[in-house]
Amino acid sequence: MLITSRVAPVLLLTMAAACGDSGRADGDGTGTTPGTLSDPTGATDPTTTGIDATATGTGDDTGTSEPVTTTQPSDPSAGETGTKFDLAGGSEESSATDPTTDTGPPVDVCKVNDNMDAIGDCDEFAPPDSFAPSLQWSFGANEQSMVTPLAGNFTDDNGDGAIDLCDIPDVLLVSGPTIGYGTICPIHVLDGATGTEHFQIPPSESVSCFATPAFGDIDNDGLPEIVAVYNSGGIYRIKAFEHDGTLKWANATDGGAAEQFSRETGAIALHDLDADGDVEIVFNHEVYDHEGKLLWQQTNPMPGEIEATTAADLDGDGKMEVITGHSAYRWDGTVYFENYPTITSQSIPQVANLDDDPEPEIFITSGQGLWMVEHTGAIKWGPATPTGIPASAYLVWQRPGTVHDFDGDGKPQWASSSQSFYAVYNGPTMADVQWQVTVQDGSGAAGGTAFDFLGDGVAEAMYADEVAFRIYDGKTGAVLLDQPRVSYTLSEYPTVVDVDNDGSAEILIVSLSGQPALQVLRDADDRWIQARRIWNQHAYYVTNVREDSTIPQKPVDSWKVFNTFRTNAQIEGGALCMPPIPG
């Protein structure tokens, strides 16, 4: 069976075409014969090639697990432990394409070398029978979470005095024993290989159980900071923590928004809006500097709940616009476009190039239905309710969207849900449904993501509703995995990260009572291709954060390279991968 594969542009991971037998069964989207999780006891222990790391144990709500031991590979000829591999460096493009053709400086595999990612440990494609999801570890048997799980490096696992990409990534989880509106939760920082809790930001910091934090290096000290939403006497504001969880600052003021409901369920985003090397913090309709000082706020915030504002350079002037859905604002707060009162509902924006022109579009999920808006703000179409569910309440269609090439045809599709259906659309025309499946999500506003675990050119779509986490064939909608989970759903969604640094992707999903607060799934034999080792915020797109948590001063326009939103980059068809261990 001939499998065609996608060829992505060069930026983070240099990709070439690959072929292989996918091992996929044909499906019609009805979900016949879905898979189940493999017995985790039969899975191999996570290992890291080139970074000798072993870990055993399963995390729980006490954070107990056997200790992690890590050692850095050494080059015997160098005479010291921790010597990095000598690779040709040179220009970003030439060395990434063929590192043997250049004579530039050595490449440090523990650091970001191509402005975005470090060298990964990767395979060109997975074996055709390698879709065998297994539970790697879980955490929080007595806790609950309705916040998107994040991942990045916060701890020095190998003891070399540096927090870098040779350390095991960590999972950032907001969870607590009882959650609801007005409740506060700790932030757990967990070892990505085992689930062992490194530390937590305690409940005394009053972090909201419902708002999604973000992390990144906001002060240029080379280490990530965590920016979270906290309950200040019923008013929801922001505070920042150092990489080790110590308080950096707490904002005592805000934009004076009367609608606190949306703030409690909102999401933080980090961007360098004006390309000056200084990171701005975007919180719903407000923008703060890296010290928490309010810079400006939008003029027409919408009532309701759940906001996940993003930013992108829509007009090509080198500076970013803040996009709230119904409106967009320049970096300094002046109006770029405003579609209020046409779009009268609170909405969630997603940015990608979804038609045949070179400019991006904004795919909007709102209480009125779905919209497609040009980069200028001109409305292409909407509101649409293509799966037949009417927009009777604002959360029926206001769900986080995903952009990805699901079916391997070289063109991006977009996906979102309503209360009863999860659907993938071909776009850019209205209501062009490629496939839809029945889901159960009448209580909230869950989202999804996508990843091509086998590297065969057809992605897997992932969605978690009130009763289950499911993986679908991206081309047909056939159910590949149906795993129980419990949630009233807010705006949480699964994430895909190489969370244990083993060169194979893992899936992170959260749940309420009846399931652990967090489950980490892998292929039973760690055969899936590699994802990036970071997912830093709700409105995640690849080019807005380096793997070392630094925020680019001027990110490459995402629609010109990966053309994805809320999905991770992957090594597909080979890349600049980790070299063999010396000696």
Protein backbone atom coordinates (compact mmCIF):
# COMPACT_ATOMS: atom_id res chain seq x y z
CA MET A 1 0.00 0.00 0.00
CA LEU A 2 1.52 3.26 -1.08
CA ILE A 3 1.36 6.00 1.52
CA THR A 4 1.90 9.61 0.58
CA SER A 5 3.35 11.92 3.16
CA ARG A 6 3.33 15.60 3.77
CA VAL A 7 6.39 17.71 3.13
CA ALA A 8 6.52 20.67 5.48
CA PRO A 9 8.63 23.80 5.02
CA VAL A 10 11.94 24.06 6.82
CA LEU A 11 12.03 25.97 10.08
CA LEU A 12 12.14 24.03 13.28
CA LEU A 13 12.65 20.54 11.99
CA THR A 14 13.95 19.88 8.53
CA MET A 15 11.52 17.45 6.93
CA ALA A 16 11.66 15.27 3.83
CA ALA A 17 9.23 12.86 2.27
CA ALA A 18 8.79 9.44 3.82
CA CYS A 19 6.93 6.35 2.91
CA GLY A 20 5.80 3.28 4.72
CA ASP A 21 2.82 1.07 5.26
CA SER A 22 0.46 2.87 7.58
CA GLY A 23 -1.31 -0.12 8.97
CA ARG A 24 -4.55 1.87 9.08
CA ALA A 25 -7.91 0.27 8.61
CA ASP A 26 -10.45 1.95 6.41
CA GLY A 27 -13.21 3.70 8.31
CA ASP A 28 -16.34 5.66 7.69
CA GLY A 29 -16.37 7.79 10.78
CA THR A 30 -18.82 5.57 12.58
CA GLY A 31 -16.23 4.50 15.07
CA THR A 32 -16.37 0.74 14.56
CA THR A 33 -14.02 -1.39 16.61
CA PRO A 34 -12.15 1.33 18.48
CA GLY A 35 -8.95 0.39 20.25
CA THR A 36 -8.37 0.28 23.97
CA LEU A 37 -5.38 1.16 26.06
CA SER A 38 -2.65 -1.42 26.30
CA ASP A 39 -1.75 -2.85 29.66
CA PRO A 40 0.72 -0.35 31.09
CA THR A 41 2.49 -3.12 32.97
CA GLY A 42 3.57 -4.57 29.67
CA ALA A 43 5.06 -1.34 28.36
CA THR A 44 8.73 -0.71 28.40
CA ASP A 45 10.24 1.79 30.79
CA PRO A 46 10.78 5.22 29.27
CA THR A 47 14.32 5.71 28.05
CA THR A 48 16.13 8.58 26.41
CA THR A 49 18.53 7.86 23.58
CA GLY A 50 21.60 10.02 23.85
CA ILE A 51 20.57 11.24 27.27
CA ASP A 52 20.86 8.18 29.45
CA ALA A 53 17.73 8.62 31.54
CA THR A 54 15.73 5.89 33.23
CA ALA A 55 12.71 6.22 35.43
CA THR A 56 10.31 3.88 37.13
CA GLY A 57 7.20 4.36 39.16
CA THR A 58 3.83 5.98 38.69
CA GLY A 59 2.95 9.43 39.94
CA ASP A 60 -0.03 9.89 42.24
CA ASP A 61 -1.67 12.66 44.17
CA THR A 62 1.08 12.58 46.76
CA GLY A 63 3.76 12.90 44.14
CA THR A 64 5.47 9.70 45.20
CA SER A 65 7.52 7.77 42.72
CA GLU A 66 10.89 6.17 42.55
CA PRO A 67 13.70 8.63 41.97
CA VAL A 68 14.80 9.61 38.52
CA THR A 69 18.42 9.05 37.64
CA THR A 70 19.95 10.78 34.67
CA THR A 71 23.42 10.84 33.21
CA GLN A 72 24.82 12.85 30.35
CA PRO A 73 26.57 10.89 27.58
CA SER A 74 30.24 11.69 27.39
CA ASP A 75 32.75 11.57 24.61
CA PRO A 76 35.71 9.50 25.76
CA SER A 77 38.02 11.53 23.60
CA ALA A 78 37.00 14.71 25.38
CA GLY A 79 38.06 13.54 28.78
CA GLU A 80 35.07 14.89 30.66
CA THR A 81 31.46 14.03 31.38
CA GLY A 82 28.79 16.05 29.67
CA THR A 83 30.70 16.81 26.48
CA LYS A 84 28.29 17.71 23.76
CA PHE A 85 28.33 16.26 20.30
CA ASP A 86 30.44 18.02 17.69
CA LEU A 87 28.27 18.65 14.69
CA ALA A 88 28.84 21.00 11.85
CA GLY A 89 27.05 24.26 12.50
CA GLY A 90 27.16 27.05 9.97
CA SER A 91 24.03 28.65 8.63
CA GLU A 92 20.63 27.63 9.91
CA GLU A 93 19.36 26.41 6.58
CA SER A 94 22.44 24.52 5.37
CA SER A 95 23.26 22.81 8.62
CA ALA A 96 19.68 21.83 9.30
CA THR A 97 19.38 20.30 5.86
CA ASP A 98 22.72 18.49 5.84
CA PRO A 99 24.95 18.99 8.89
CA THR A 100 27.86 17.21 7.20
CA THR A 101 28.25 19.82 4.48
CA ASP A 102 29.25 22.73 6.67
CA THR A 103 32.23 23.48 8.84
CA GLY A 104 30.66 25.86 11.31
CA PRO A 105 30.91 25.76 15.09
CA PRO A 106 29.88 22.69 17.09
CA VAL A 107 26.23 22.27 17.92
CA ASP A 108 25.18 21.85 21.56
CA VAL A 109 22.39 19.28 21.57
CA CYS A 110 21.16 20.60 24.92
CA LYS A 111 20.48 24.08 23.56
CA VAL A 112 18.30 25.60 20.90
CA ASN A 113 20.49 25.74 17.80
CA ASP A 114 18.27 26.84 14.93
CA ASN A 115 16.47 29.67 16.69
CA MET A 116 13.62 27.41 17.74
CA ASP A 117 14.47 23.78 18.63
CA ALA A 118 17.33 21.62 19.80
CA ILE A 119 18.41 18.52 17.95
CA GLY A 120 15.97 15.71 18.53
CA ASP A 121 16.20 11.96 18.71
CA CYS A 122 13.97 10.78 15.92
CA ASP A 123 12.94 8.16 13.40
CA GLU A 124 11.68 8.87 9.91
CA PHE A 125 8.42 7.05 10.47
CA ALA A 126 6.89 4.63 12.88
CA PRO A 127 6.34 0.93 12.12
CA PRO A 128 2.94 0.28 10.52
CA ASP A 129 1.59 -1.56 13.56
CA SER A 130 2.75 0.96 16.13
CA PHE A 131 -0.54 2.49 17.15
CA ALA A 132 -0.85 0.82 20.55
CA PRO A 133 -1.73 3.52 23.12
CA SER A 134 -0.68 2.62 26.65
CA LEU A 135 -0.86 4.41 29.99
CA GLN A 136 2.64 5.59 30.88
CA TRP A 137 1.71 7.22 34.19
CA SER A 138 -1.07 9.08 35.92
CA PHE A 139 -1.25 11.68 38.65
CA GLY A 140 -3.89 12.87 41.05
CA ALA A 141 -6.08 9.90 41.89
CA ASN A 142 -7.93 12.14 44.33
CA GLU A 143 -7.77 15.35 42.31
CA GLN A 144 -9.63 16.93 39.41
CA SER A 145 -8.59 19.14 36.51
CA MET A 146 -10.37 21.06 33.76
CA VAL A 147 -7.32 23.00 32.55
CA THR A 148 -5.23 22.19 29.47
CA PRO A 149 -1.99 20.48 30.61
CA LEU A 150 1.26 22.22 29.62
CA ALA A 151 4.84 20.92 29.32
CA GLY A 152 8.35 22.38 29.32
CA ASN A 153 11.63 22.34 31.26
CA PHE A 154 11.60 23.73 34.81
CA THR A 155 14.10 21.51 36.67
CA ASP A 156 17.75 20.43 36.38
CA ASP A 157 17.26 16.67 36.26
CA ASN A 158 20.77 15.61 35.29
CA GLY A 159 22.52 17.80 37.86
CA ASP A 160 24.77 19.62 35.41
CA GLY A 161 23.84 23.04 36.78
CA ALA A 162 21.69 24.03 33.81
CA ILE A 163 18.02 23.72 32.98
CA ASP A 164 18.06 22.81 29.31
CA LEU A 165 16.81 20.34 26.75
CA CYS A 166 18.98 17.51 28.04
CA ASP A 167 16.75 17.49 31.12
CA ILE A 168 13.47 15.61 31.23
CA PRO A 169 10.54 17.94 30.41
CA ASP A 170 8.06 18.69 33.16
CA VAL A 171 4.28 18.81 33.11
CA LEU A 172 2.48 21.84 34.50
CA LEU A 173 -0.90 20.76 35.88
CA VAL A 174 -3.62 22.82 37.57
CA SER A 175 -5.67 20.44 39.71
CA GLY A 176 -7.26 20.16 43.12
CA PRO A 177 -9.39 17.85 45.27
CA THR A 178 -12.55 19.89 44.62
CA ILE A 179 -12.96 22.38 41.80
CA GLY A 180 -15.69 24.80 40.87
CA TYR A 181 -16.31 28.45 40.26
CA GLY A 182 -14.49 30.50 42.88
CA THR A 183 -12.22 27.65 44.00
CA ILE A 184 -8.43 27.77 44.09
CA CYS A 185 -5.96 25.07 43.11
CA PRO A 186 -2.27 24.30 43.38
CA ILE A 187 -0.11 24.18 40.26
CA HIS A 188 1.78 20.88 40.19
CA VAL A 189 5.10 20.61 38.36
CA LEU A 190 5.61 16.92 37.55
CA ASP A 191 8.48 14.91 36.11
CA GLY A 192 7.49 14.05 32.56
CA ALA A 193 8.92 10.53 32.65
CA THR A 194 7.38 9.31 35.90
CA GLY A 195 4.78 11.75 37.23
CA THR A 196 6.83 12.45 40.35
CA GLU A 197 5.97 15.87 41.72
CA HIS A 198 9.02 18.14 41.71
CA PHE A 199 7.21 20.97 43.48
CA GLN A 200 3.89 22.76 43.59
CA ILE A 201 2.67 26.33 43.74
CA PRO A 202 0.45 25.97 46.82
CA PRO A 203 -3.23 26.85 47.23
CA SER A 204 -2.17 29.82 49.37
CA GLU A 205 -1.32 31.60 46.10
CA SER A 206 -5.06 31.52 45.21
CA VAL A 207 -4.58 30.31 41.63
CA SER A 208 -7.87 29.81 39.78
CA CYS A 209 -8.88 26.19 39.17
CA PHE A 210 -10.35 27.12 35.79
CA ALA A 211 -8.00 29.58 34.07
CA THR A 212 -5.16 28.28 31.90
CA PRO A 213 -1.67 29.58 32.81
CA ALA A 214 1.15 30.18 30.37
CA PHE A 215 4.89 29.97 30.75
CA GLY A 216 7.89 31.43 29.01
CA ASP A 217 10.98 33.50 29.67
CA ILE A 218 9.37 36.89 30.26
CA ASP A 219 12.38 38.64 31.81
CA ASN A 220 15.24 37.37 29.60
CA ASP A 221 16.99 35.50 32.41
CA GLY A 222 17.17 32.28 30.39
CA LEU A 223 14.58 30.50 32.55
CA PRO A 224 10.81 30.14 32.19
CA GLU A 225 8.35 32.02 34.36
CA ILE A 226 4.80 30.84 35.00
CA VAL A 227 2.02 33.41 34.62
CA ALA A 228 -1.30 32.39 36.20
CA VAL A 229 -4.70 33.82 37.08
CA TYR A 230 -5.45 34.24 40.76
CA ASN A 231 -8.51 35.05 42.83
CA SER A 232 -8.01 38.36 44.60
CA GLY A 233 -11.11 38.63 46.76
CA GLY A 234 -13.41 37.61 43.92
CA ILE A 235 -11.53 39.67 41.32
CA TYR A 236 -9.37 37.67 38.94
CA ARG A 237 -5.93 39.10 38.27
CA ILE A 238 -2.55 37.77 37.21
CA LYS A 239 0.62 36.83 39.05
CA ALA A 240 3.96 35.47 37.93
CA PHE A 241 6.15 32.77 39.46
CA GLU A 242 9.80 31.91 38.91
CA HIS A 243 10.75 28.58 37.34
CA ASP A 244 10.94 27.01 40.81
CA GLY A 245 7.48 28.20 41.86
CA THR A 246 8.51 31.16 44.03
CA LEU A 247 6.37 34.26 43.63
CA LYS A 248 7.83 36.85 41.28
CA TRP A 249 5.04 39.44 41.40
CA ALA A 250 1.29 39.70 41.87
CA ASN A 251 -0.76 42.28 40.06
CA ALA A 252 -2.92 44.32 42.40
CA THR A 253 -4.80 46.08 39.60
CA ASP A 254 -6.55 45.13 36.38
CA GLY A 255 -8.53 46.62 33.55
CA GLY A 256 -11.54 47.14 35.73
CA ALA A 257 -13.61 44.64 33.83
CA ALA A 258 -17.02 44.12 35.31
CA GLU A 259 -17.26 40.68 33.76
CA GLN A 260 -15.20 38.59 36.15
CA PHE A 261 -16.77 35.34 34.98
CA SER A 262 -14.81 35.40 31.75
CA ARG A 263 -11.62 36.24 33.59
CA GLU A 264 -11.95 33.24 35.90
CA THR A 265 -12.24 30.92 32.91
CA GLY A 266 -9.80 32.72 30.61
CA ALA A 267 -6.31 31.91 29.41
CA ILE A 268 -2.93 33.63 29.51
CA ALA A 269 -0.88 34.12 26.34
CA LEU A 270 2.71 35.36 25.95
CA HIS A 271 3.91 37.30 22.89
CA ASP A 272 6.47 39.91 21.97
CA LEU A 273 3.86 42.16 20.40
CA ASP A 274 6.09 45.06 19.34
CA ALA A 275 9.23 43.04 18.46
CA ASP A 276 11.37 44.90 21.02
CA GLY A 277 12.69 41.81 22.83
CA ASP A 278 10.35 42.40 25.78
CA VAL A 279 7.50 39.93 26.32
CA GLU A 280 3.92 41.12 26.76
CA ILE A 281 1.27 39.20 28.70
CA VAL A 282 -2.15 38.92 27.09
CA PHE A 283 -5.03 38.07 29.41
CA ASN A 284 -8.36 37.93 27.63
CA HIS A 285 -8.94 41.53 26.51
CA GLU A 286 -6.06 43.08 28.48
CA VAL A 287 -2.33 43.46 27.76
CA TYR A 288 0.33 43.74 30.49
CA ASP A 289 4.10 44.17 30.44
CA HIS A 290 6.41 41.50 31.86
CA GLU A 291 6.18 43.08 35.32
CA GLY A 292 2.38 42.96 35.38
CA LYS A 293 1.70 46.63 34.57
CA LEU A 294 -1.49 47.12 32.55
CA LEU A 295 -0.61 48.61 29.15
CA TRP A 296 -4.06 48.72 27.55
CA GLN A 297 -7.39 46.92 27.25
CA GLN A 298 -9.81 46.40 24.40
CA THR A 299 -12.86 48.59 24.06
CA ASN A 300 -15.63 46.02 23.67
CA PRO A 301 -15.15 42.95 25.84
CA MET A 302 -17.97 40.45 25.43
CA PRO A 303 -19.93 38.97 28.33
CA GLY A 304 -19.80 35.23 28.95
CA GLU A 305 -17.01 32.84 29.79
CA ILE A 306 -13.97 31.22 28.23
CA GLU A 307 -11.56 33.45 26.35
CA ALA A 308 -8.33 32.38 24.66
CA THR A 309 -6.96 35.45 22.95
CA THR A 310 -4.08 35.07 20.49
CA ALA A 311 -1.75 37.35 18.52
CA ALA A 312 -0.23 37.34 15.03
CA ASP A 313 1.24 39.80 12.55
CA LEU A 314 -1.83 40.17 10.36
CA ASP A 315 -0.72 43.20 8.35
CA GLY A 316 2.93 42.24 7.78
CA ASP A 317 4.43 45.29 9.48
CA GLY A 318 6.68 43.25 11.80
CA LYS A 319 4.50 43.80 14.86
CA MET A 320 1.66 41.67 16.12
CA GLU A 321 -2.05 42.27 16.39
CA VAL A 322 -3.95 41.03 19.44
CA ILE A 323 -6.95 39.02 18.21
CA THR A 324 -9.95 38.52 20.45
CA GLY A 325 -12.31 37.08 17.84
CA HIS A 326 -14.76 39.84 17.14
CA SER A 327 -11.96 42.44 17.05
CA ALA A 328 -8.22 42.86 16.61
CA TYR A 329 -5.92 45.51 18.05
CA ARG A 330 -2.45 46.68 17.11
CA TRP A 331 0.40 46.18 19.54
CA ASP A 332 -0.26 49.60 21.09
CA GLY A 333 -3.98 49.04 21.64
CA THR A 334 -5.30 50.99 18.65
CA VAL A 335 -8.07 49.28 16.73
CA TYR A 336 -6.97 47.20 13.73
CA PHE A 337 -10.46 45.95 12.94
CA GLU A 338 -13.70 45.66 14.85
CA ASN A 339 -16.57 43.40 13.82
CA TYR A 340 -18.70 44.29 16.79
CA PRO A 341 -21.72 44.44 16.80
CA THR A 342 -21.93 42.00 13.86
CA ILE A 343 -20.14 39.41 15.97
CA THR A 344 -21.91 39.98 19.25
CA SER A 345 -20.85 36.89 21.14
CA GLN A 346 -17.67 36.16 22.98
CA SER A 347 -15.49 34.13 20.67
CA ILE A 348 -12.24 32.18 20.34
CA PRO A 349 -9.92 32.94 17.39
CA GLN A 350 -7.57 30.60 15.49
CA VAL A 351 -5.15 31.94 12.86
CA ALA A 352 -3.96 30.04 9.76
CA ASN A 353 -3.96 30.30 5.98
CA LEU A 354 -7.18 28.55 5.04
CA ASP A 355 -7.61 29.51 1.38
CA ASP A 356 -5.53 29.94 -1.77
CA ASP A 357 -4.15 33.41 -1.10
CA PRO A 358 -0.86 34.00 0.80
CA GLU A 359 -2.52 35.82 3.69
CA PRO A 360 -3.89 34.31 6.90
CA GLU A 361 -7.50 33.90 7.87
CA ILE A 362 -9.06 33.95 11.32
CA PHE A 363 -11.28 30.99 12.06
CA ILE A 364 -13.64 32.02 14.87
CA THR A 365 -15.74 29.83 17.13
CA SER A 366 -18.41 31.91 18.84
CA GLY A 367 -21.75 31.65 20.58
CA GLN A 368 -23.41 32.56 17.28
CA GLY A 369 -21.65 29.76 15.37
CA LEU A 370 -18.56 29.61 13.16
CA TRP A 371 -17.03 32.51 11.26
CA MET A 372 -14.23 32.95 8.76
CA VAL A 373 -12.60 36.37 8.70
CA GLU A 374 -9.89 37.74 6.39
CA HIS A 375 -6.66 39.11 7.84
CA THR A 376 -8.11 42.58 7.24
CA GLY A 377 -11.16 41.86 9.36
CA ALA A 378 -13.51 41.44 6.40
CA ILE A 379 -15.98 38.66 7.12
CA LYS A 380 -15.78 35.87 4.52
CA TRP A 381 -18.75 33.99 5.96
CA GLY A 382 -20.66 33.29 9.13
CA PRO A 383 -22.24 32.61 11.40
CA ALA A 384 -22.54 28.97 10.37
CA THR A 385 -23.79 25.95 12.29
CA PRO A 386 -22.84 23.23 9.79
CA THR A 387 -23.46 20.13 11.89
CA GLY A 388 -27.09 21.12 12.39
CA ILE A 389 -26.91 22.10 16.05
CA PRO A 390 -28.47 25.57 16.47
CA ALA A 391 -26.64 28.32 18.31
CA SER A 392 -29.08 28.34 21.19
CA ALA A 393 -26.53 29.20 23.88
CA TYR A 394 -23.11 30.78 23.66
CA LEU A 395 -21.18 27.64 24.63
CA VAL A 396 -22.83 25.43 21.99
CA TRP A 397 -20.31 26.53 19.34
CA GLN A 398 -17.75 28.53 21.32
CA ARG A 399 -15.12 25.81 21.56
CA PRO A 400 -11.32 25.96 21.00
CA GLY A 401 -10.53 25.14 17.38
CA THR A 402 -7.68 23.23 15.75
CA VAL A 403 -5.93 23.73 12.41
CA HIS A 404 -3.94 20.87 10.86
CA ASP A 405 -3.52 18.87 7.67
CA PHE A 406 -5.60 15.96 8.94
CA ASP A 407 -5.80 13.88 5.75
CA GLY A 408 -2.36 14.40 4.19
CA ASP A 409 -3.56 16.25 1.11
CA GLY A 410 -1.15 19.13 1.70
CA LYS A 411 -3.93 21.54 2.64
CA PRO A 412 -4.96 22.51 6.16
CA GLN A 413 -8.31 21.52 7.59
CA TRP A 414 -9.91 22.98 10.65
CA ALA A 415 -11.77 21.23 13.42
CA SER A 416 -14.10 22.18 16.23
CA SER A 417 -17.04 20.81 18.14
CA SER A 418 -20.58 21.61 19.12
CA GLN A 419 -22.53 20.03 21.94
CA SER A 420 -23.23 16.87 19.95
CA PHE A 421 -20.65 16.64 17.17
CA TYR A 422 -16.92 16.94 16.61
CA ALA A 423 -16.13 17.74 12.99
CA VAL A 424 -13.24 18.31 10.61
CA TYR A 425 -13.88 20.84 7.84
CA ASN A 426 -12.11 21.29 4.53
CA GLY A 427 -12.58 25.06 4.26
CA PRO A 428 -12.41 27.73 3.14
CA THR A 429 -16.06 27.38 2.11
CA MET A 430 -18.79 27.40 4.67
CA ALA A 431 -19.98 24.11 6.12
CA ASP A 432 -17.66 21.89 4.07
CA VAL A 433 -17.63 18.97 6.49
CA GLN A 434 -15.04 16.28 5.77
CA TRP A 435 -16.32 14.09 8.60
CA GLN A 436 -18.19 14.40 11.85
CA VAL A 437 -18.66 12.10 14.81
CA THR A 438 -21.08 12.11 17.69
CA VAL A 439 -19.80 13.37 21.03
CA GLN A 440 -21.35 14.18 24.39
CA ASP A 441 -20.55 17.68 25.58
CA GLY A 442 -23.69 19.54 26.57
CA SER A 443 -22.13 20.99 29.71
CA GLY A 444 -19.10 22.85 28.46
CA ALA A 445 -16.70 23.72 25.70
CA ALA A 446 -14.02 21.10 25.14
CA GLY A 447 -11.40 21.32 22.42
CA GLY A 448 -9.09 19.02 20.49
CA THR A 449 -5.73 18.68 18.77
CA ALA A 450 -4.06 16.53 16.09
CA PHE A 451 -0.76 14.72 15.46
CA ASP A 452 0.53 12.24 12.90
CA PHE A 453 1.91 9.63 15.31
CA LEU A 454 2.99 7.21 12.57
CA GLY A 455 4.49 9.77 10.20
CA ASP A 456 2.43 8.27 7.37
CA GLY A 457 0.90 11.54 6.18
CA VAL A 458 -2.50 11.05 7.84
CA ALA A 459 -2.89 12.71 11.22
CA GLU A 460 -4.78 11.44 14.23
CA ALA A 461 -7.43 13.79 15.59
CA MET A 462 -7.98 13.90 19.36
CA TYR A 463 -10.96 15.13 21.33
CA ALA A 464 -12.08 14.69 24.94
CA ASP A 465 -15.75 15.23 25.84
CA GLU A 466 -17.70 14.62 29.07
CA VAL A 467 -17.31 10.84 29.06
CA ALA A 468 -14.35 9.80 26.91
CA PHE A 469 -11.08 10.71 25.27
CA ARG A 470 -11.08 9.56 21.67
CA ILE A 471 -8.54 9.36 18.90
CA TYR A 472 -9.84 9.46 15.33
CA ASP A 473 -8.35 8.72 11.95
CA GLY A 474 -7.85 12.19 10.50
CA LYS A 475 -8.96 11.18 7.02
CA THR A 476 -12.11 9.21 7.83
CA GLY A 477 -13.09 9.89 11.43
CA ALA A 478 -12.87 6.20 12.34
CA VAL A 479 -12.38 5.79 16.09
CA LEU A 480 -8.93 4.44 16.91
CA LEU A 481 -9.16 4.75 20.71
CA ASP A 482 -12.09 5.25 23.08
CA GLN A 483 -10.77 5.84 26.59
CA PRO A 484 -13.04 6.80 29.52
CA ARG A 485 -12.60 10.23 31.11
CA VAL A 486 -14.93 12.43 33.11
CA SER A 487 -15.40 16.16 32.77
CA TYR A 488 -18.00 18.87 32.69
CA THR A 489 -15.52 20.40 30.22
CA LEU A 490 -14.45 23.99 30.20
CA SER A 491 -11.99 24.83 27.45
CA GLU A 492 -9.48 22.08 28.16
CA TYR A 493 -8.09 19.88 25.42
CA PRO A 494 -5.46 17.13 25.05
CA THR A 495 -1.86 18.08 24.26
CA VAL A 496 0.89 16.13 22.48
CA VAL A 497 4.48 16.53 23.69
CA ASP A 498 7.61 14.40 23.92
CA VAL A 499 7.23 14.70 27.65
CA ASP A 500 9.94 12.23 28.70
CA ASN A 501 12.65 13.12 26.14
CA ASP A 502 12.65 9.64 24.62
CA GLY A 503 12.17 10.66 20.98
CA SER A 504 8.54 9.50 20.90
CA ALA A 505 5.40 11.59 21.39
CA GLU A 506 3.06 11.29 24.36
CA ILE A 507 -0.53 12.46 24.91
CA LEU A 508 -1.62 14.40 28.02
CA ILE A 509 -5.30 14.40 29.06
CA VAL A 510 -7.05 15.67 32.20
CA SER A 511 -10.17 14.41 34.01
CA LEU A 512 -12.48 14.93 36.96
CA SER A 513 -13.42 12.38 39.64
CA GLY A 514 -13.49 8.77 38.51
CA GLN A 515 -10.26 9.13 36.57
CA PRO A 516 -6.88 10.56 37.63
CA ALA A 517 -6.50 14.30 37.20
CA LEU A 518 -3.85 13.65 34.53
CA GLN A 519 -3.08 10.65 32.34
CA VAL A 520 -0.05 10.40 30.07
CA LEU A 521 -0.42 7.99 27.15
CA ARG A 522 2.35 6.63 24.90
CA ASP A 523 2.78 3.88 22.38
CA ALA A 524 3.38 0.68 24.33
CA ASP A 525 6.87 0.40 22.83
CA ASP A 526 7.56 4.12 22.33
CA ARG A 527 7.45 3.83 18.55
CA TRP A 528 5.54 7.02 17.75
CA ILE A 529 7.52 9.75 16.04
CA GLN A 530 8.82 12.67 18.04
CA ALA A 531 6.95 15.83 18.94
CA ARG A 532 8.43 19.00 20.35
CA ARG A 533 9.15 19.00 24.08
CA ILE A 534 7.08 22.08 24.86
CA TRP A 535 3.47 23.29 24.96
CA ASN A 536 3.38 26.59 26.79
CA GLN A 537 -0.15 28.09 26.57
CA HIS A 538 -3.75 27.52 25.55
CA ALA A 539 -3.54 29.45 22.25
CA TYR A 540 -0.43 27.48 21.28
CA TYR A 541 1.19 27.62 17.88
CA VAL A 542 4.65 26.33 17.12
CA THR A 543 6.52 29.42 15.98
CA ASN A 544 5.58 31.56 18.99
CA VAL A 545 7.82 29.75 21.50
CA ARG A 546 11.24 28.11 21.30
CA GLU A 547 11.80 24.75 22.90
CA ASP A 548 13.82 26.46 25.66
CA SER A 549 10.74 28.57 26.61
CA THR A 550 12.04 31.82 25.16
CA ILE A 551 9.52 33.89 23.21
CA PRO A 552 10.81 34.97 19.76
CA GLN A 553 11.28 38.67 19.27
CA LYS A 554 9.82 38.34 15.79
CA PRO A 555 8.31 34.92 15.24
CA VAL A 556 8.04 33.51 11.76
CA ASP A 557 4.46 33.70 10.55
CA SER A 558 3.08 30.30 11.45
CA TRP A 559 0.87 30.06 8.35
CA LYS A 560 3.95 30.31 6.13
CA VAL A 561 5.62 27.23 7.63
CA PHE A 562 3.52 24.73 9.56
CA ASN A 563 0.12 26.37 9.04
CA THR A 564 -1.26 24.80 12.20
CA PHE A 565 -2.93 25.98 15.39
CA ARG A 566 -3.22 24.08 18.69
CA THR A 567 -1.15 21.22 17.27
CA ASN A 568 2.52 20.43 17.77
CA ALA A 569 5.40 20.12 15.35
CA GLN A 570 6.62 16.66 14.59
CA ILE A 571 9.53 14.93 12.99
CA GLU A 572 8.02 13.46 9.86
CA GLY A 573 10.16 11.98 7.15
CA GLY A 574 13.41 12.55 8.98
CA ALA A 575 15.12 15.61 10.36
CA LEU A 576 18.30 16.84 11.97
CA CYS A 577 18.23 14.22 14.69
CA MET A 578 20.39 13.28 17.63
CA PRO A 579 23.71 11.75 16.46
CA PRO A 580 24.93 8.41 17.79
CA ILE A 581 26.39 8.40 21.28
CA PRO A 582 30.18 8.81 20.98
CA GLY A 583 32.28 5.75 21.77
